Amino acid sequence: MEVVTAYRHLLKAVDKHIGGEGTKRHFRDFIVQEFRKSINLSDQHAIQQKIKLAKDYSFMLNSVHHHKHLLFSYNIAVDRADEMRRTISKSAANVGLRLPDVYHP
């Protein structure tokens, strides 16, 4: 059960933060291949190491994404206009609205 949970969390983190489109598909394929190889292992210590590695990597992906989001929210050397537009778009989407496209000459 622990293997399935670690596998699911890792794939979810990779899909969310790296992406699943064609050019980045090899990340997901590598993870699937490694977990399929670990099914055939009989050494419990090796399996536990792979589970720990999967948990650590998914934690790192989520943490880096969260850290990047915090840097944007604290306005660390970035333009806040894009962030504010994204925040307003998310707020509008929560109530079922969509912001109109603004014309910029």
PDB file of N, CA and C in Angstrom:
ATOM      1  N   MET A   1       0.827  -1.198   0.000  1.00  0.00           N
ATOM      2  CA  MET A   1       0.000   0.000   0.000  1.00  0.00           C
ATOM      3  C   MET A   1       0.869   1.259   0.000  1.00  0.00           C
ATOM      4  N   GLU A   2       1.980   1.202   0.718  1.00  0.00           N
ATOM      5  CA  GLU A   2       2.887   2.344   0.785  1.00  0.00           C
ATOM      6  C   GLU A   2       3.491   2.646  -0.580  1.00  0.00           C
ATOM      7  N   VAL A   3       3.744   1.592  -1.342  1.00  0.00           N
ATOM      8  CA  VAL A   3       4.313   1.765  -2.682  1.00  0.00           C
ATOM      9  C   VAL A   3       3.320   2.495  -3.582  1.00  0.00           C
ATOM     10  N   VAL A   4       2.072   2.111  -3.531  1.00  0.00           N
ATOM     11  CA  VAL A   4       1.043   2.725  -4.373  1.00  0.00           C
ATOM     12  C   VAL A   4       0.862   4.197  -4.013  1.00  0.00           C
ATOM     13  N   THR A   5       0.873   4.500  -2.723  1.00  0.00           N
ATOM     14  CA  THR A   5       0.721   5.885  -2.277  1.00  0.00           C
ATOM     15  C   THR A   5       1.890   6.741  -2.740  1.00  0.00           C
ATOM     16  N   ALA A   6       3.111   6.238  -2.573  1.00  0.00           N
ATOM     17  CA  ALA A   6       4.290   6.990  -3.007  1.00  0.00           C
ATOM     18  C   ALA A   6       4.274   7.189  -4.519  1.00  0.00           C
ATOM     19  N   TYR A   7       3.889   6.140  -5.246  1.00  0.00           N
ATOM     20  CA  TYR A   7       3.817   6.196  -6.706  1.00  0.00           C
ATOM     21  C   TYR A   7       2.801   7.242  -7.158  1.00  0.00           C
ATOM     22  N   ARG A   8       1.629   7.233  -6.549  1.00  0.00           N
ATOM     23  CA  ARG A   8       0.566   8.176  -6.904  1.00  0.00           C
ATOM     24  C   ARG A   8       0.982   9.617  -6.595  1.00  0.00           C
ATOM     25  N   HIS A   9       1.570   9.851  -5.425  1.00  0.00           N
ATOM     26  CA  HIS A   9       1.996  11.201  -5.054  1.00  0.00           C
ATOM     27  C   HIS A   9       3.090  11.720  -5.983  1.00  0.00           C
ATOM     28  N   LEU A  10       4.019  10.836  -6.346  1.00  0.00           N
ATOM     29  CA  LEU A  10       5.100  11.255  -7.235  1.00  0.00           C
ATOM     30  C   LEU A  10       4.577  11.592  -8.622  1.00  0.00           C
ATOM     31  N   LEU A  11       3.699  10.769  -9.174  1.00  0.00           N
ATOM     32  CA  LEU A  11       3.148  11.060 -10.494  1.00  0.00           C
ATOM     33  C   LEU A  11       2.310  12.337 -10.482  1.00  0.00           C
ATOM     34  N   LYS A  12       1.583  12.550  -9.405  1.00  0.00           N
ATOM     35  CA  LYS A  12       0.769  13.754  -9.290  1.00  0.00           C
ATOM     36  C   LYS A  12       1.657  15.002  -9.234  1.00  0.00           C
ATOM     37  N   ALA A  13       2.767  14.927  -8.484  1.00  0.00           N
ATOM     38  CA  ALA A  13       3.689  16.066  -8.390  1.00  0.00           C
ATOM     39  C   ALA A  13       4.371  16.338  -9.726  1.00  0.00           C
ATOM     40  N   VAL A  14       4.769  15.287 -10.420  1.00  0.00           N
ATOM     41  CA  VAL A  14       5.418  15.460 -11.720  1.00  0.00           C
ATOM     42  C   VAL A  14       4.443  16.056 -12.724  1.00  0.00           C
ATOM     43  N   ASP A  15       3.220  15.555 -12.758  1.00  0.00           N
ATOM     44  CA  ASP A  15       2.229  16.094 -13.691  1.00  0.00           C
ATOM     45  C   ASP A  15       1.917  17.555 -13.398  1.00  0.00           C
ATOM     46  N   LYS A  16       1.837  17.905 -12.137  1.00  0.00           N
ATOM     47  CA  LYS A  16       1.460  19.259 -11.755  1.00  0.00           C
ATOM     48  C   LYS A  16       2.587  20.260 -11.974  1.00  0.00           C
ATOM     49  N   HIS A  17       3.812  19.894 -11.601  1.00  0.00           N
ATOM     50  CA  HIS A  17       4.894  20.863 -11.594  1.00  0.00           C
ATOM     51  C   HIS A  17       5.839  20.774 -12.785  1.00  0.00           C
ATOM     52  N   ILE A  18       5.957  19.618 -13.390  1.00  0.00           N
ATOM     53  CA  ILE A  18       6.826  19.481 -14.559  1.00  0.00           C
ATOM     54  C   ILE A  18       5.985  19.498 -15.822  1.00  0.00           C
ATOM     55  N   GLY A  19       4.889  18.794 -15.807  1.00  0.00           N
ATOM     56  CA  GLY A  19       4.005  18.763 -16.967  1.00  0.00           C
ATOM     57  C   GLY A  19       4.007  17.398 -17.609  1.00  0.00           C
ATOM     58  N   GLY A  20       2.987  17.149 -18.401  1.00  0.00           N
ATOM     59  CA  GLY A  20       2.860  15.855 -19.035  1.00  0.00           C
ATOM     60  C   GLY A  20       2.824  15.922 -20.541  1.00  0.00           C
ATOM     61  N   GLU A  21       3.067  17.115 -21.099  1.00  0.00           N
ATOM     62  CA  GLU A  21       3.020  17.221 -22.555  1.00  0.00           C
ATOM     63  C   GLU A  21       4.185  16.468 -23.181  1.00  0.00           C
ATOM     64  N   GLY A  22       4.172  16.367 -24.479  1.00  0.00           N
ATOM     65  CA  GLY A  22       5.093  15.520 -25.230  1.00  0.00           C
ATOM     66  C   GLY A  22       6.564  15.709 -24.940  1.00  0.00           C
ATOM     67  N   THR A  23       7.022  16.942 -24.798  1.00  0.00           N
ATOM     68  CA  THR A  23       8.452  17.173 -24.603  1.00  0.00           C
ATOM     69  C   THR A  23       8.922  16.794 -23.209  1.00  0.00           C
ATOM     70  N   LYS A  24       8.015  16.712 -22.252  1.00  0.00           N
ATOM     71  CA  LYS A  24       8.389  16.390 -20.876  1.00  0.00           C
ATOM     72  C   LYS A  24       7.855  15.031 -20.439  1.00  0.00           C
ATOM     73  N   ARG A  25       7.374  14.280 -21.370  1.00  0.00           N
ATOM     74  CA  ARG A  25       6.772  12.979 -21.081  1.00  0.00           C
ATOM     75  C   ARG A  25       7.791  11.976 -20.557  1.00  0.00           C
ATOM     76  N   HIS A  26       9.071  12.164 -20.880  1.00  0.00           N
ATOM     77  CA  HIS A  26      10.086  11.200 -20.479  1.00  0.00           C
ATOM     78  C   HIS A  26      10.259  11.136 -18.952  1.00  0.00           C
ATOM     79  N   PHE A  27       9.937  12.215 -18.216  1.00  0.00           N
ATOM     80  CA  PHE A  27      10.001  12.173 -16.757  1.00  0.00           C
ATOM     81  C   PHE A  27       8.998  11.150 -16.224  1.00  0.00           C
ATOM     82  N   ARG A  28       7.783  11.257 -16.705  1.00  0.00           N
ATOM     83  CA  ARG A  28       6.714  10.348 -16.257  1.00  0.00           C
ATOM     84  C   ARG A  28       7.010   8.913 -16.692  1.00  0.00           C
ATOM     85  N   ASP A  29       7.504   8.728 -17.905  1.00  0.00           N
ATOM     86  CA  ASP A  29       7.820   7.391 -18.396  1.00  0.00           C
ATOM     87  C   ASP A  29       8.925   6.734 -17.569  1.00  0.00           C
ATOM     88  N   PHE A  30       9.927   7.525 -17.169  1.00  0.00           N
ATOM     89  CA  PHE A  30      11.016   6.994 -16.351  1.00  0.00           C
ATOM     90  C   PHE A  30      10.498   6.524 -14.993  1.00  0.00           C
ATOM     91  N   ILE A  31       9.609   7.306 -14.383  1.00  0.00           N
ATOM     92  CA  ILE A  31       9.055   6.938 -13.079  1.00  0.00           C
ATOM     93  C   ILE A  31       8.250   5.645 -13.183  1.00  0.00           C
ATOM     94  N   VAL A  32       7.421   5.548 -14.212  1.00  0.00           N
ATOM     95  CA  VAL A  32       6.622   4.334 -14.414  1.00  0.00           C
ATOM     96  C   VAL A  32       7.538   3.126 -14.600  1.00  0.00           C
ATOM     97  N   GLN A  33       8.587   3.288 -15.391  1.00  0.00           N
ATOM     98  CA  GLN A  33       9.524   2.200 -15.649  1.00  0.00           C
ATOM     99  C   GLN A  33      10.233   1.770 -14.360  1.00  0.00           C
ATOM    100  N   GLU A  34      10.678   2.715 -13.542  1.00  0.00           N
ATOM    101  CA  GLU A  34      11.378   2.388 -12.301  1.00  0.00           C
ATOM    102  C   GLU A  34      10.459   1.674 -11.307  1.00  0.00           C
ATOM    103  N   PHE A  35       9.212   2.102 -11.213  1.00  0.00           N
ATOM    104  CA  PHE A  35       8.294   1.435 -10.292  1.00  0.00           C
ATOM    105  C   PHE A  35       7.948   0.036 -10.784  1.00  0.00           C
ATOM    106  N   ARG A  36       7.879  -0.159 -12.067  1.00  0.00           N
ATOM    107  CA  ARG A  36       7.612  -1.508 -12.584  1.00  0.00           C
ATOM    108  C   ARG A  36       8.800  -2.433 -12.325  1.00  0.00           C
ATOM    109  N   LYS A  37      10.020  -1.878 -12.402  1.00  0.00           N
ATOM    110  CA  LYS A  37      11.195  -2.686 -12.093  1.00  0.00           C
ATOM    111  C   LYS A  37      11.216  -3.077 -10.621  1.00  0.00           C
ATOM    112  N   SER A  38      10.780  -2.158  -9.755  1.00  0.00           N
ATOM    113  CA  SER A  38      10.841  -2.428  -8.318  1.00  0.00           C
ATOM    114  C   SER A  38       9.815  -3.472  -7.879  1.00  0.00           C
ATOM    115  N   ILE A  39       8.805  -3.725  -8.700  1.00  0.00           N
ATOM    116  CA  ILE A  39       7.824  -4.767  -8.367  1.00  0.00           C
ATOM    117  C   ILE A  39       8.499  -6.133  -8.341  1.00  0.00           C
ATOM    118  N   ASN A  40       9.484  -6.330  -9.201  1.00  0.00           N
ATOM    119  CA  ASN A  40      10.154  -7.622  -9.303  1.00  0.00           C
ATOM    120  C   ASN A  40      11.263  -7.801  -8.264  1.00  0.00           C
ATOM    121  N   LEU A  41      11.572  -6.771  -7.487  1.00  0.00           N
ATOM    122  CA  LEU A  41      12.629  -6.886  -6.484  1.00  0.00           C
ATOM    123  C   LEU A  41      12.137  -7.685  -5.286  1.00  0.00           C
ATOM    124  N   SER A  42      13.016  -8.536  -4.764  1.00  0.00           N
ATOM    125  CA  SER A  42      12.667  -9.295  -3.564  1.00  0.00           C
ATOM    126  C   SER A  42      13.345  -8.711  -2.331  1.00  0.00           C
ATOM    127  N   ASP A  43      14.314  -7.829  -2.530  1.00  0.00           N
ATOM    128  CA  ASP A  43      15.040  -7.203  -1.427  1.00  0.00           C
ATOM    129  C   ASP A  43      14.196  -6.065  -0.840  1.00  0.00           C
ATOM    130  N   GLN A  44      13.717  -6.249   0.369  1.00  0.00           N
ATOM    131  CA  GLN A  44      12.856  -5.255   1.010  1.00  0.00           C
ATOM    132  C   GLN A  44      13.595  -3.950   1.276  1.00  0.00           C
ATOM    133  N   HIS A  45      14.883  -4.049   1.558  1.00  0.00           N
ATOM    134  CA  HIS A  45      15.670  -2.834   1.811  1.00  0.00           C
ATOM    135  C   HIS A  45      15.745  -1.964   0.555  1.00  0.00           C
ATOM    136  N   ALA A  46      15.928  -2.580  -0.597  1.00  0.00           N
ATOM    137  CA  ALA A  46      15.982  -1.834  -1.859  1.00  0.00           C
ATOM    138  C   ALA A  46      14.637  -1.203  -2.172  1.00  0.00           C
ATOM    139  N   ILE A  47      13.566  -1.920  -1.892  1.00  0.00           N
ATOM    140  CA  ILE A  47      12.228  -1.378  -2.129  1.00  0.00           C
ATOM    141  C   ILE A  47      11.975  -0.178  -1.228  1.00  0.00           C
ATOM    142  N   GLN A  48      12.358  -0.286   0.046  1.00  0.00           N
ATOM    143  CA  GLN A  48      12.172   0.824   0.982  1.00  0.00           C
ATOM    144  C   GLN A  48      12.990   2.046   0.570  1.00  0.00           C
ATOM    145  N   GLN A  49      14.191   1.825   0.035  1.00  0.00           N
ATOM    146  CA  GLN A  49      15.012   2.943  -0.441  1.00  0.00           C
ATOM    147  C   GLN A  49      14.341   3.644  -1.617  1.00  0.00           C
ATOM    148  N   LYS A  50      13.771   2.867  -2.531  1.00  0.00           N
ATOM    149  CA  LYS A  50      13.091   3.472  -3.688  1.00  0.00           C
ATOM    150  C   LYS A  50      11.844   4.235  -3.254  1.00  0.00           C
ATOM    151  N   ILE A  51      11.118   3.716  -2.282  1.00  0.00           N
ATOM    152  CA  ILE A  51       9.937   4.412  -1.773  1.00  0.00           C
ATOM    153  C   ILE A  51      10.346   5.723  -1.129  1.00  0.00           C
ATOM    154  N   LYS A  52      11.417   5.689  -0.329  1.00  0.00           N
ATOM    155  CA  LYS A  52      11.904   6.910   0.321  1.00  0.00           C
ATOM    156  C   LYS A  52      12.365   7.931  -0.716  1.00  0.00           C
ATOM    157  N   LEU A  53      13.043   7.464  -1.747  1.00  0.00           N
ATOM    158  CA  LEU A  53      13.491   8.354  -2.815  1.00  0.00           C
ATOM    159  C   LEU A  53      12.298   8.986  -3.533  1.00  0.00           C
ATOM    160  N   ALA A  54      11.255   8.214  -3.789  1.00  0.00           N
ATOM    161  CA  ALA A  54      10.062   8.739  -4.454  1.00  0.00           C
ATOM    162  C   ALA A  54       9.379   9.785  -3.579  1.00  0.00           C
ATOM    163  N   LYS A  55       9.258   9.508  -2.284  1.00  0.00           N
ATOM    164  CA  LYS A  55       8.641  10.471  -1.365  1.00  0.00           C
ATOM    165  C   LYS A  55       9.462  11.758  -1.287  1.00  0.00           C
ATOM    166  N   ASP A  56      10.788  11.598  -1.204  1.00  0.00           N
ATOM    167  CA  ASP A  56      11.651  12.775  -1.115  1.00  0.00           C
ATOM    168  C   ASP A  56      11.577  13.623  -2.381  1.00  0.00           C
ATOM    169  N   TYR A  57      11.543  12.970  -3.538  1.00  0.00           N
ATOM    170  CA  TYR A  57      11.495  13.716  -4.791  1.00  0.00           C
ATOM    171  C   TYR A  57      10.165  14.444  -4.960  1.00  0.00           C
ATOM    172  N   SER A  58       9.065  13.793  -4.595  1.00  0.00           N
ATOM    173  CA  SER A  58       7.776  14.477  -4.698  1.00  0.00           C
ATOM    174  C   SER A  58       7.705  15.629  -3.700  1.00  0.00           C
ATOM    175  N   PHE A  59       8.275  15.460  -2.519  1.00  0.00           N
ATOM    176  CA  PHE A  59       8.322  16.536  -1.538  1.00  0.00           C
ATOM    177  C   PHE A  59       9.150  17.705  -2.071  1.00  0.00           C
ATOM    178  N   MET A  60      10.293  17.397  -2.723  1.00  0.00           N
ATOM    179  CA  MET A  60      11.138  18.444  -3.286  1.00  0.00           C
ATOM    180  C   MET A  60      10.409  19.209  -4.390  1.00  0.00           C
ATOM    181  N   LEU A  61       9.725  18.497  -5.291  1.00  0.00           N
ATOM    182  CA  LEU A  61       8.993  19.173  -6.366  1.00  0.00           C
ATOM    183  C   LEU A  61       7.929  20.105  -5.805  1.00  0.00           C
ATOM    184  N   ASN A  62       7.168  19.617  -4.829  1.00  0.00           N
ATOM    185  CA  ASN A  62       6.129  20.448  -4.226  1.00  0.00           C
ATOM    186  C   ASN A  62       6.726  21.635  -3.486  1.00  0.00           C
ATOM    187  N   SER A  63       7.843  21.429  -2.801  1.00  0.00           N
ATOM    188  CA  SER A  63       8.478  22.504  -2.041  1.00  0.00           C
ATOM    189  C   SER A  63       9.060  23.578  -2.952  1.00  0.00           C
ATOM    190  N   VAL A  64       9.693  23.173  -4.040  1.00  0.00           N
ATOM    191  CA  VAL A  64      10.249  24.153  -4.982  1.00  0.00           C
ATOM    192  C   VAL A  64       9.125  24.983  -5.595  1.00  0.00           C
ATOM    193  N   HIS A  65       8.021  24.333  -5.943  1.00  0.00           N
ATOM    194  CA  HIS A  65       6.883  25.059  -6.501  1.00  0.00           C
ATOM    195  C   HIS A  65       6.306  26.038  -5.478  1.00  0.00           C
ATOM    196  N   HIS A  66       6.182  25.589  -4.241  1.00  0.00           N
ATOM    197  CA  HIS A  66       5.661  26.462  -3.179  1.00  0.00           C
ATOM    198  C   HIS A  66       6.613  27.630  -2.926  1.00  0.00           C
ATOM    199  N   HIS A  67       7.909  27.360  -2.924  1.00  0.00           N
ATOM    200  CA  HIS A  67       8.904  28.414  -2.723  1.00  0.00           C
ATOM    201  C   HIS A  67       8.836  29.459  -3.836  1.00  0.00           C
ATOM    202  N   LYS A  68       8.700  28.999  -5.055  1.00  0.00           N
ATOM    203  CA  LYS A  68       8.575  29.912  -6.198  1.00  0.00           C
ATOM    204  C   LYS A  68       7.319  30.766  -6.063  1.00  0.00           C
ATOM    205  N   HIS A  69       6.221  30.145  -5.642  1.00  0.00           N
ATOM    206  CA  HIS A  69       4.982  30.886  -5.440  1.00  0.00           C
ATOM    207  C   HIS A  69       5.164  31.946  -4.342  1.00  0.00           C
ATOM    208  N   LEU A  70       5.852  31.606  -3.269  1.00  0.00           N
ATOM    209  CA  LEU A  70       6.106  32.576  -2.198  1.00  0.00           C
ATOM    210  C   LEU A  70       6.964  33.739  -2.686  1.00  0.00           C
ATOM    211  N   LEU A  71       7.974  33.440  -3.480  1.00  0.00           N
ATOM    212  CA  LEU A  71       8.815  34.522  -4.011  1.00  0.00           C
ATOM    213  C   LEU A  71       7.998  35.483  -4.858  1.00  0.00           C
ATOM    214  N   PHE A  72       7.110  34.939  -5.680  1.00  0.00           N
ATOM    215  CA  PHE A  72       6.249  35.804  -6.486  1.00  0.00           C
ATOM    216  C   PHE A  72       5.317  36.624  -5.605  1.00  0.00           C
ATOM    217  N   SER A  73       4.784  36.012  -4.559  1.00  0.00           N
ATOM    218  CA  SER A  73       3.843  36.740  -3.708  1.00  0.00           C
ATOM    219  C   SER A  73       4.530  37.816  -2.884  1.00  0.00           C
ATOM    220  N   TYR A  74       5.820  37.661  -2.578  1.00  0.00           N
ATOM    221  CA  TYR A  74       6.560  38.675  -1.825  1.00  0.00           C
ATOM    222  C   TYR A  74       7.190  39.726  -2.727  1.00  0.00           C
ATOM    223  N   ASN A  75       6.946  39.610  -4.037  1.00  0.00           N
ATOM    224  CA  ASN A  75       7.445  40.570  -5.011  1.00  0.00           C
ATOM    225  C   ASN A  75       8.971  40.671  -4.995  1.00  0.00           C
ATOM    226  N   ILE A  76       9.617  39.562  -5.047  1.00  0.00           N
ATOM    227  CA  ILE A  76      11.069  39.520  -5.074  1.00  0.00           C
ATOM    228  C   ILE A  76      11.536  39.678  -6.522  1.00  0.00           C
ATOM    229  N   ALA A  77      11.827  40.890  -6.908  1.00  0.00           N
ATOM    230  CA  ALA A  77      12.394  41.219  -8.223  1.00  0.00           C
ATOM    231  C   ALA A  77      11.550  40.708  -9.389  1.00  0.00           C
ATOM    232  N   VAL A  78      10.248  40.772  -9.258  1.00  0.00           N
ATOM    233  CA  VAL A  78       9.381  40.380 -10.359  1.00  0.00           C
ATOM    234  C   VAL A  78       8.286  41.416 -10.517  1.00  0.00           C
ATOM    235  N   ASP A  79       7.714  41.417 -11.679  1.00  0.00           N
ATOM    236  CA  ASP A  79       6.597  42.304 -11.959  1.00  0.00           C
ATOM    237  C   ASP A  79       5.325  41.679 -11.400  1.00  0.00           C
ATOM    238  N   ARG A  80       4.593  42.404 -10.587  1.00  0.00           N
ATOM    239  CA  ARG A  80       3.405  41.867  -9.923  1.00  0.00           C
ATOM    240  C   ARG A  80       2.165  41.885 -10.811  1.00  0.00           C
ATOM    241  N   ALA A  81       2.228  42.498 -11.959  1.00  0.00           N
ATOM    242  CA  ALA A  81       1.046  42.597 -12.811  1.00  0.00           C
ATOM    243  C   ALA A  81       0.568  41.215 -13.258  1.00  0.00           C
ATOM    244  N   ASP A  82       1.489  40.347 -13.660  1.00  0.00           N
ATOM    245  CA  ASP A  82       1.105  38.998 -14.089  1.00  0.00           C
ATOM    246  C   ASP A  82       0.511  38.198 -12.938  1.00  0.00           C
ATOM    247  N   GLU A  83       1.114  38.345 -11.759  1.00  0.00           N
ATOM    248  CA  GLU A  83       0.604  37.618 -10.605  1.00  0.00           C
ATOM    249  C   GLU A  83      -0.789  38.108 -10.220  1.00  0.00           C
ATOM    250  N   MET A  84      -1.000  39.415 -10.244  1.00  0.00           N
ATOM    251  CA  MET A  84      -2.310  39.959  -9.897  1.00  0.00           C
ATOM    252  C   MET A  84      -3.361  39.521 -10.919  1.00  0.00           C
ATOM    253  N   ARG A  85      -3.009  39.507 -12.188  1.00  0.00           N
ATOM    254  CA  ARG A  85      -3.933  39.061 -13.225  1.00  0.00           C
ATOM    255  C   ARG A  85      -4.309  37.595 -13.006  1.00  0.00           C
ATOM    256  N   ARG A  86      -3.322  36.776 -12.651  1.00  0.00           N
ATOM    257  CA  ARG A  86      -3.575  35.360 -12.400  1.00  0.00           C
ATOM    258  C   ARG A  86      -4.467  35.184 -11.166  1.00  0.00           C
ATOM    259  N   THR A  87      -4.210  35.961 -10.109  1.00  0.00           N
ATOM    260  CA  THR A  87      -5.017  35.878  -8.891  1.00  0.00           C
ATOM    261  C   THR A  87      -6.459  36.296  -9.158  1.00  0.00           C
ATOM    262  N   ILE A  88      -6.631  37.371  -9.893  1.00  0.00           N
ATOM    263  CA  ILE A  88      -7.978  37.842 -10.212  1.00  0.00           C
ATOM    264  C   ILE A  88      -8.694  36.835 -11.107  1.00  0.00           C
ATOM    265  N   SER A  89      -7.974  36.236 -12.049  1.00  0.00           N
ATOM    266  CA  SER A  89      -8.574  35.222 -12.920  1.00  0.00           C
ATOM    267  C   SER A  89      -9.039  34.012 -12.119  1.00  0.00           C
ATOM    268  N   LYS A  90      -8.227  33.585 -11.145  1.00  0.00           N
ATOM    269  CA  LYS A  90      -8.613  32.461 -10.303  1.00  0.00           C
ATOM    270  C   LYS A  90      -9.832  32.802  -9.463  1.00  0.00           C
ATOM    271  N   SER A  91      -9.863  34.025  -8.939  1.00  0.00           N
ATOM    272  CA  SER A  91     -11.016  34.445  -8.133  1.00  0.00           C
ATOM    273  C   SER A  91     -12.281  34.485  -8.979  1.00  0.00           C
ATOM    274  N   ALA A  92     -12.163  34.990 -10.196  1.00  0.00           N
ATOM    275  CA  ALA A  92     -13.318  35.037 -11.084  1.00  0.00           C
ATOM    276  C   ALA A  92     -13.772  33.629 -11.464  1.00  0.00           C
ATOM    277  N   ALA A  93     -12.824  32.740 -11.681  1.00  0.00           N
ATOM    278  CA  ALA A  93     -13.167  31.367 -12.044  1.00  0.00           C
ATOM    279  C   ALA A  93     -13.877  30.650 -10.896  1.00  0.00           C
ATOM    280  N   ASN A  94     -13.569  31.019  -9.664  1.00  0.00           N
ATOM    281  CA  ASN A  94     -14.223  30.392  -8.510  1.00  0.00           C
ATOM    282  C   ASN A  94     -15.721  30.660  -8.485  1.00  0.00           C
ATOM    283  N   VAL A  95     -16.145  31.778  -9.016  1.00  0.00           N
ATOM    284  CA  VAL A  95     -17.573  32.097  -9.030  1.00  0.00           C
ATOM    285  C   VAL A  95     -18.186  31.899 -10.409  1.00  0.00           C
ATOM    286  N   GLY A  96     -17.434  31.266 -11.305  1.00  0.00           N
ATOM    287  CA  GLY A  96     -17.978  30.915 -12.609  1.00  0.00           C
ATOM    288  C   GLY A  96     -17.868  31.994 -13.662  1.00  0.00           C
ATOM    289  N   LEU A  97     -16.993  32.959 -13.454  1.00  0.00           N
ATOM    290  CA  LEU A  97     -16.823  34.025 -14.438  1.00  0.00           C
ATOM    291  C   LEU A  97     -15.483  33.888 -15.132  1.00  0.00           C
ATOM    292  N   ARG A  98     -15.351  34.606 -16.234  1.00  0.00           N
ATOM    293  CA  ARG A  98     -14.097  34.621 -16.976  1.00  0.00           C
ATOM    294  C   ARG A  98     -13.790  36.058 -17.311  1.00  0.00           C
ATOM    295  N   LEU A  99     -12.548  36.484 -17.063  1.00  0.00           N
ATOM    296  CA  LEU A  99     -12.159  37.854 -17.353  1.00  0.00           C
ATOM    297  C   LEU A  99     -12.056  38.066 -18.862  1.00  0.00           C
ATOM    298  N   PRO A 100     -12.462  39.237 -19.330  1.00  0.00           N
ATOM    299  CA  PRO A 100     -12.331  39.502 -20.778  1.00  0.00           C
ATOM    300  C   PRO A 100     -10.867  39.742 -21.139  1.00  0.00           C
ATOM    301  N   ASP A 101     -10.546  39.428 -22.380  1.00  0.00           N
ATOM    302  CA  ASP A 101      -9.196  39.715 -22.882  1.00  0.00           C
ATOM    303  C   ASP A 101      -9.072  41.214 -23.101  1.00  0.00           C
ATOM    304  N   VAL A 102      -7.967  41.772 -22.616  1.00  0.00           N
ATOM    305  CA  VAL A 102      -7.749  43.218 -22.718  1.00  0.00           C
ATOM    306  C   VAL A 102      -6.868  43.483 -23.936  1.00  0.00           C
ATOM    307  N   TYR A 103      -7.275  44.420 -24.727  1.00  0.00           N
ATOM    308  CA  TYR A 103      -6.523  44.777 -25.928  1.00  0.00           C
ATOM    309  C   TYR A 103      -5.366  45.696 -25.545  1.00  0.00           C
ATOM    310  N   HIS A 104      -4.130  45.303 -25.949  1.00  0.00           N
ATOM    311  CA  HIS A 104      -2.954  46.143 -25.739  1.00  0.00           C
ATOM    312  C   HIS A 104      -2.331  46.452 -27.091  1.00  0.00           C
ATOM    313  N   PRO A 105      -2.377  47.723 -27.507  1.00  0.00           N
ATOM    314  CA  PRO A 105      -1.840  48.065 -28.845  1.00  0.00           C
ATOM    315  C   PRO A 105      -0.320  47.938 -28.888  1.00  0.00           C
TER     316      PRO A 105
END
